[in-house]
């Protein structure tokens, strides 16, 4: 039986194979940092959203603090909208 952590690591490893653009190294580095943090036990909430072409790939375990997660998504949304106009 695999643990949720093993499954997450496998999913992160699979996501790194999906990315194939000029920012590949940057994305893989970020995913490796997230994986290292999870291995150290320093991360309990992990959300990964990756878009390749028109397909979104996502991963998240059980959400512990829903309101905090929604606040983070709102900040991400604001950041994305701001970048759209840069």
C-alpha atoms as a PDB file:
ATOM      1  CA  UNK A   1       0.000   0.000   0.000  1.00  0.00           C
ATOM      2  CA  UNK A   2       1.386   3.402  -0.943  1.00  0.00           C
ATOM      3  CA  UNK A   3       1.082   6.384   1.344  1.00  0.00           C
ATOM      4  CA  UNK A   4      -0.402   9.703   0.278  1.00  0.00           C
ATOM      5  CA  UNK A   5       3.117  11.149   0.407  1.00  0.00           C
ATOM      6  CA  UNK A   6       4.432   8.482  -1.990  1.00  0.00           C
ATOM      7  CA  UNK A   7       1.514   9.165  -4.300  1.00  0.00           C
ATOM      8  CA  UNK A   8       2.212  12.922  -4.181  1.00  0.00           C
ATOM      9  CA  UNK A   9       5.883  12.376  -5.009  1.00  0.00           C
ATOM     10  CA  UNK A  10       4.911  10.160  -7.912  1.00  0.00           C
ATOM     11  CA  UNK A  11       2.433  12.764  -9.163  1.00  0.00           C
ATOM     12  CA  UNK A  12       5.043  15.535  -8.898  1.00  0.00           C
ATOM     13  CA  UNK A  13       7.521  13.378 -10.818  1.00  0.00           C
ATOM     14  CA  UNK A  14       4.877  12.759 -13.492  1.00  0.00           C
ATOM     15  CA  UNK A  15       4.100  16.483 -13.756  1.00  0.00           C
ATOM     16  CA  UNK A  16       7.741  17.272 -14.447  1.00  0.00           C
ATOM     17  CA  UNK A  17       7.529  15.127 -17.589  1.00  0.00           C
ATOM     18  CA  UNK A  18       4.503  17.099 -18.849  1.00  0.00           C
ATOM     19  CA  UNK A  19       6.287  20.440 -19.070  1.00  0.00           C
ATOM     20  CA  UNK A  20       8.114  20.962 -22.330  1.00  0.00           C
ATOM     21  CA  UNK A  21       8.551  24.660 -22.998  1.00  0.00           C
ATOM     22  CA  UNK A  22      11.361  27.189 -22.576  1.00  0.00           C
ATOM     23  CA  UNK A  23      10.567  27.578 -18.876  1.00  0.00           C
ATOM     24  CA  UNK A  24      11.007  23.850 -18.283  1.00  0.00           C
ATOM     25  CA  UNK A  25      14.025  24.244 -15.976  1.00  0.00           C
ATOM     26  CA  UNK A  26      12.263  26.884 -13.875  1.00  0.00           C
ATOM     27  CA  UNK A  27       9.150  24.743 -13.451  1.00  0.00           C
ATOM     28  CA  UNK A  28      11.088  21.571 -12.684  1.00  0.00           C
ATOM     29  CA  UNK A  29      13.188  23.469 -10.112  1.00  0.00           C
ATOM     30  CA  UNK A  30      10.029  24.741  -8.388  1.00  0.00           C
ATOM     31  CA  UNK A  31       8.532  21.238  -8.313  1.00  0.00           C
ATOM     32  CA  UNK A  32      11.765  19.780  -6.929  1.00  0.00           C
ATOM     33  CA  UNK A  33      11.776  22.422  -4.164  1.00  0.00           C
ATOM     34  CA  UNK A  34       8.165  21.557  -3.302  1.00  0.00           C
ATOM     35  CA  UNK A  35       9.062  17.869  -3.238  1.00  0.00           C
ATOM     36  CA  UNK A  36      12.070  18.501  -0.982  1.00  0.00           C
ATOM     37  CA  UNK A  37       9.900  20.523   1.388  1.00  0.00           C
ATOM     38  CA  UNK A  38       7.309  17.744   1.514  1.00  0.00           C
ATOM     39  CA  UNK A  39      10.012  15.136   2.182  1.00  0.00           C
ATOM     40  CA  UNK A  40      11.297  17.223   5.105  1.00  0.00           C
ATOM     41  CA  UNK A  41       7.800  17.432   6.538  1.00  0.00           C
ATOM     42  CA  UNK A  42       7.710  21.210   6.198  1.00  0.00           C
ATOM     43  CA  UNK A  43       4.757  21.287   3.868  1.00  0.00           C
ATOM     44  CA  UNK A  44       1.255  20.079   4.602  1.00  0.00           C
ATOM     45  CA  UNK A  45      -0.753  21.934   1.959  1.00  0.00           C
ATOM     46  CA  UNK A  46       0.376  21.303  -1.593  1.00  0.00           C
ATOM     47  CA  UNK A  47      -1.391  22.619  -4.655  1.00  0.00           C
ATOM     48  CA  UNK A  48       0.045  22.131  -8.098  1.00  0.00           C
ATOM     49  CA  UNK A  49      -1.651  23.498 -11.195  1.00  0.00           C
ATOM     50  CA  UNK A  50       0.188  23.063 -14.443  1.00  0.00           C
ATOM     51  CA  UNK A  51      -1.036  23.991 -17.907  1.00  0.00           C
ATOM     52  CA  UNK A  52       0.378  22.501 -21.073  1.00  0.00           C
ATOM     53  CA  UNK A  53      -1.316  23.501 -24.258  1.00  0.00           C
ATOM     54  CA  UNK A  54      -5.001  23.601 -23.431  1.00  0.00           C
ATOM     55  CA  UNK A  55      -4.849  20.955 -20.707  1.00  0.00           C
ATOM     56  CA  UNK A  56      -4.586  21.629 -16.990  1.00  0.00           C
ATOM     57  CA  UNK A  57      -2.923  19.114 -14.691  1.00  0.00           C
ATOM     58  CA  UNK A  58      -3.568  19.534 -10.989  1.00  0.00           C
ATOM     59  CA  UNK A  59      -2.744  17.881  -7.724  1.00  0.00           C
ATOM     60  CA  UNK A  60      -3.802  18.621  -4.177  1.00  0.00           C
ATOM     61  CA  UNK A  61      -4.234  16.477  -1.101  1.00  0.00           C
ATOM     62  CA  UNK A  62      -7.001  16.989   1.436  1.00  0.00           C
ATOM     63  CA  UNK A  63      -7.364  20.692   2.248  1.00  0.00           C
ATOM     64  CA  UNK A  64      -6.960  21.417   5.957  1.00  0.00           C
ATOM     65  CA  UNK A  65      -7.809  25.140   6.034  1.00  0.00           C
ATOM     66  CA  UNK A  66     -10.233  25.932   3.233  1.00  0.00           C
ATOM     67  CA  UNK A  67     -10.486  29.681   3.907  1.00  0.00           C
ATOM     68  CA  UNK A  68      -6.712  30.135   3.909  1.00  0.00           C
ATOM     69  CA  UNK A  69      -6.475  28.206   0.642  1.00  0.00           C
ATOM     70  CA  UNK A  70      -9.177  30.352  -0.956  1.00  0.00           C
ATOM     71  CA  UNK A  71      -7.322  33.494   0.157  1.00  0.00           C
ATOM     72  CA  UNK A  72      -4.136  32.192  -1.484  1.00  0.00           C
ATOM     73  CA  UNK A  73      -6.045  31.472  -4.705  1.00  0.00           C
ATOM     74  CA  UNK A  74      -7.453  35.002  -4.674  1.00  0.00           C
ATOM     75  CA  UNK A  75      -3.916  36.401  -4.371  1.00  0.00           C
ATOM     76  CA  UNK A  76      -2.817  34.165  -7.233  1.00  0.00           C
ATOM     77  CA  UNK A  77      -5.761  35.342  -9.328  1.00  0.00           C
ATOM     78  CA  UNK A  78      -4.850  38.980  -8.644  1.00  0.00           C
ATOM     79  CA  UNK A  79      -1.228  38.306  -9.592  1.00  0.00           C
ATOM     80  CA  UNK A  80      -2.263  36.617 -12.849  1.00  0.00           C
ATOM     81  CA  UNK A  81      -4.579  39.495 -13.799  1.00  0.00           C
ATOM     82  CA  UNK A  82      -1.859  42.039 -13.013  1.00  0.00           C
ATOM     83  CA  UNK A  83       0.654  40.164 -15.175  1.00  0.00           C
ATOM     84  CA  UNK A  84      -1.840  40.101 -18.008  1.00  0.00           C
ATOM     85  CA  UNK A  85      -1.486  43.891 -18.271  1.00  0.00           C
ATOM     86  CA  UNK A  86       2.325  44.076 -17.897  1.00  0.00           C
END
